[in-house]
């Protein structure tokens, strides 16, 4: 994004810190945490950043499915 301005806001107020932590956990799992710490997001490829977002989405969908399945079984 030109100028490095990210205008995305969490849907739930106060979730920003948890999402940042989750992002770093996912980056660590896929081997990109070190690169984030050395060069920062702004110097990573779109593919690398997209991989982090994709894995985050996959994990969040899994958590939602588990929550829904638990609600149905009760």
C-alpha atoms as a PDB file:
ATOM      1  CA  UNK A   1       0.000   0.000   0.000  1.00  0.00           C
ATOM      2  CA  UNK A   2       1.518   3.355  -0.924  1.00  0.00           C
ATOM      3  CA  UNK A   3       2.810   5.250   2.051  1.00  0.00           C
ATOM      4  CA  UNK A   4       2.518   2.230   4.340  1.00  0.00           C
ATOM      5  CA  UNK A   5      -0.918   3.246   5.646  1.00  0.00           C
ATOM      6  CA  UNK A   6      -3.080   0.303   6.664  1.00  0.00           C
ATOM      7  CA  UNK A   7      -6.678   1.373   7.190  1.00  0.00           C
ATOM      8  CA  UNK A   8      -8.026  -2.051   8.208  1.00  0.00           C
ATOM      9  CA  UNK A   9      -9.711  -2.052  11.599  1.00  0.00           C
ATOM     10  CA  UNK A  10     -10.731  -5.084  13.684  1.00  0.00           C
ATOM     11  CA  UNK A  11     -14.481  -5.800  13.739  1.00  0.00           C
ATOM     12  CA  UNK A  12     -14.287  -6.168  17.527  1.00  0.00           C
ATOM     13  CA  UNK A  13     -12.871  -3.165  19.407  1.00  0.00           C
ATOM     14  CA  UNK A  14      -9.875  -4.172  21.497  1.00  0.00           C
ATOM     15  CA  UNK A  15      -8.985  -7.201  19.343  1.00  0.00           C
ATOM     16  CA  UNK A  16      -6.052  -5.515  17.619  1.00  0.00           C
ATOM     17  CA  UNK A  17      -3.415  -6.718  20.083  1.00  0.00           C
ATOM     18  CA  UNK A  18      -4.694 -10.314  19.990  1.00  0.00           C
ATOM     19  CA  UNK A  19      -4.759 -10.278  16.177  1.00  0.00           C
ATOM     20  CA  UNK A  20      -1.172  -8.994  16.019  1.00  0.00           C
ATOM     21  CA  UNK A  21      -0.074 -11.757  18.400  1.00  0.00           C
ATOM     22  CA  UNK A  22      -1.996 -14.327  16.334  1.00  0.00           C
ATOM     23  CA  UNK A  23      -0.350 -12.992  13.158  1.00  0.00           C
ATOM     24  CA  UNK A  24       3.106 -13.489  14.675  1.00  0.00           C
ATOM     25  CA  UNK A  25       2.210 -17.009  15.867  1.00  0.00           C
ATOM     26  CA  UNK A  26       1.112 -17.952  12.353  1.00  0.00           C
ATOM     27  CA  UNK A  27       4.203 -16.308  10.822  1.00  0.00           C
ATOM     28  CA  UNK A  28       6.356 -18.328  13.194  1.00  0.00           C
ATOM     29  CA  UNK A  29       4.571 -21.554  12.216  1.00  0.00           C
ATOM     30  CA  UNK A  30       5.205 -20.971   8.513  1.00  0.00           C
ATOM     31  CA  UNK A  31       8.767 -19.738   8.994  1.00  0.00           C
ATOM     32  CA  UNK A  32       8.356 -16.017   8.331  1.00  0.00           C
ATOM     33  CA  UNK A  33       8.626 -14.543  11.842  1.00  0.00           C
ATOM     34  CA  UNK A  34      12.370 -14.010  11.539  1.00  0.00           C
ATOM     35  CA  UNK A  35      11.977 -12.126   8.286  1.00  0.00           C
ATOM     36  CA  UNK A  36       9.278  -9.899   9.787  1.00  0.00           C
ATOM     37  CA  UNK A  37      11.601  -9.032  12.660  1.00  0.00           C
ATOM     38  CA  UNK A  38      14.586  -8.314  10.420  1.00  0.00           C
ATOM     39  CA  UNK A  39      13.036  -6.499   7.439  1.00  0.00           C
ATOM     40  CA  UNK A  40       9.468  -5.659   8.527  1.00  0.00           C
ATOM     41  CA  UNK A  41       6.207  -6.244   6.679  1.00  0.00           C
ATOM     42  CA  UNK A  42       6.813  -3.363   4.289  1.00  0.00           C
ATOM     43  CA  UNK A  43       9.855  -5.142   2.809  1.00  0.00           C
ATOM     44  CA  UNK A  44       8.220  -8.539   2.377  1.00  0.00           C
ATOM     45  CA  UNK A  45       6.608  -9.821  -0.799  1.00  0.00           C
ATOM     46  CA  UNK A  46       2.866  -9.799  -1.326  1.00  0.00           C
ATOM     47  CA  UNK A  47       3.021 -13.585  -1.489  1.00  0.00           C
ATOM     48  CA  UNK A  48       4.655 -13.803   1.948  1.00  0.00           C
ATOM     49  CA  UNK A  49       2.168 -11.415   3.553  1.00  0.00           C
ATOM     50  CA  UNK A  50      -0.689 -13.177   1.788  1.00  0.00           C
ATOM     51  CA  UNK A  51       0.502 -16.523   3.111  1.00  0.00           C
ATOM     52  CA  UNK A  52       0.299 -15.225   6.656  1.00  0.00           C
ATOM     53  CA  UNK A  53      -3.210 -13.850   6.081  1.00  0.00           C
ATOM     54  CA  UNK A  54      -4.330 -17.042   4.373  1.00  0.00           C
ATOM     55  CA  UNK A  55      -3.140 -19.247   7.216  1.00  0.00           C
ATOM     56  CA  UNK A  56      -4.743 -16.898   9.746  1.00  0.00           C
ATOM     57  CA  UNK A  57      -8.048 -17.195   7.897  1.00  0.00           C
ATOM     58  CA  UNK A  58      -7.766 -20.980   7.708  1.00  0.00           C
ATOM     59  CA  UNK A  59      -7.147 -21.227  11.459  1.00  0.00           C
ATOM     60  CA  UNK A  60      -9.990 -18.828  12.304  1.00  0.00           C
ATOM     61  CA  UNK A  61     -12.415 -20.841  10.155  1.00  0.00           C
ATOM     62  CA  UNK A  62     -11.299 -24.033  11.933  1.00  0.00           C
ATOM     63  CA  UNK A  63     -11.923 -22.410  15.320  1.00  0.00           C
ATOM     64  CA  UNK A  64     -15.361 -21.211  14.235  1.00  0.00           C
ATOM     65  CA  UNK A  65     -16.248 -24.674  12.903  1.00  0.00           C
ATOM     66  CA  UNK A  66     -15.164 -26.263  16.196  1.00  0.00           C
ATOM     67  CA  UNK A  67     -17.276 -23.766  18.137  1.00  0.00           C
ATOM     68  CA  UNK A  68     -20.298 -24.445  15.924  1.00  0.00           C
ATOM     69  CA  UNK A  69     -19.834 -28.212  16.142  1.00  0.00           C
ATOM     70  CA  UNK A  70     -19.633 -27.970  19.934  1.00  0.00           C
ATOM     71  CA  UNK A  71     -22.853 -25.960  20.018  1.00  0.00           C
ATOM     72  CA  UNK A  72     -24.685 -28.527  17.868  1.00  0.00           C
ATOM     73  CA  UNK A  73     -23.526 -31.516  19.933  1.00  0.00           C
ATOM     74  CA  UNK A  74     -24.795 -30.129  23.229  1.00  0.00           C
END
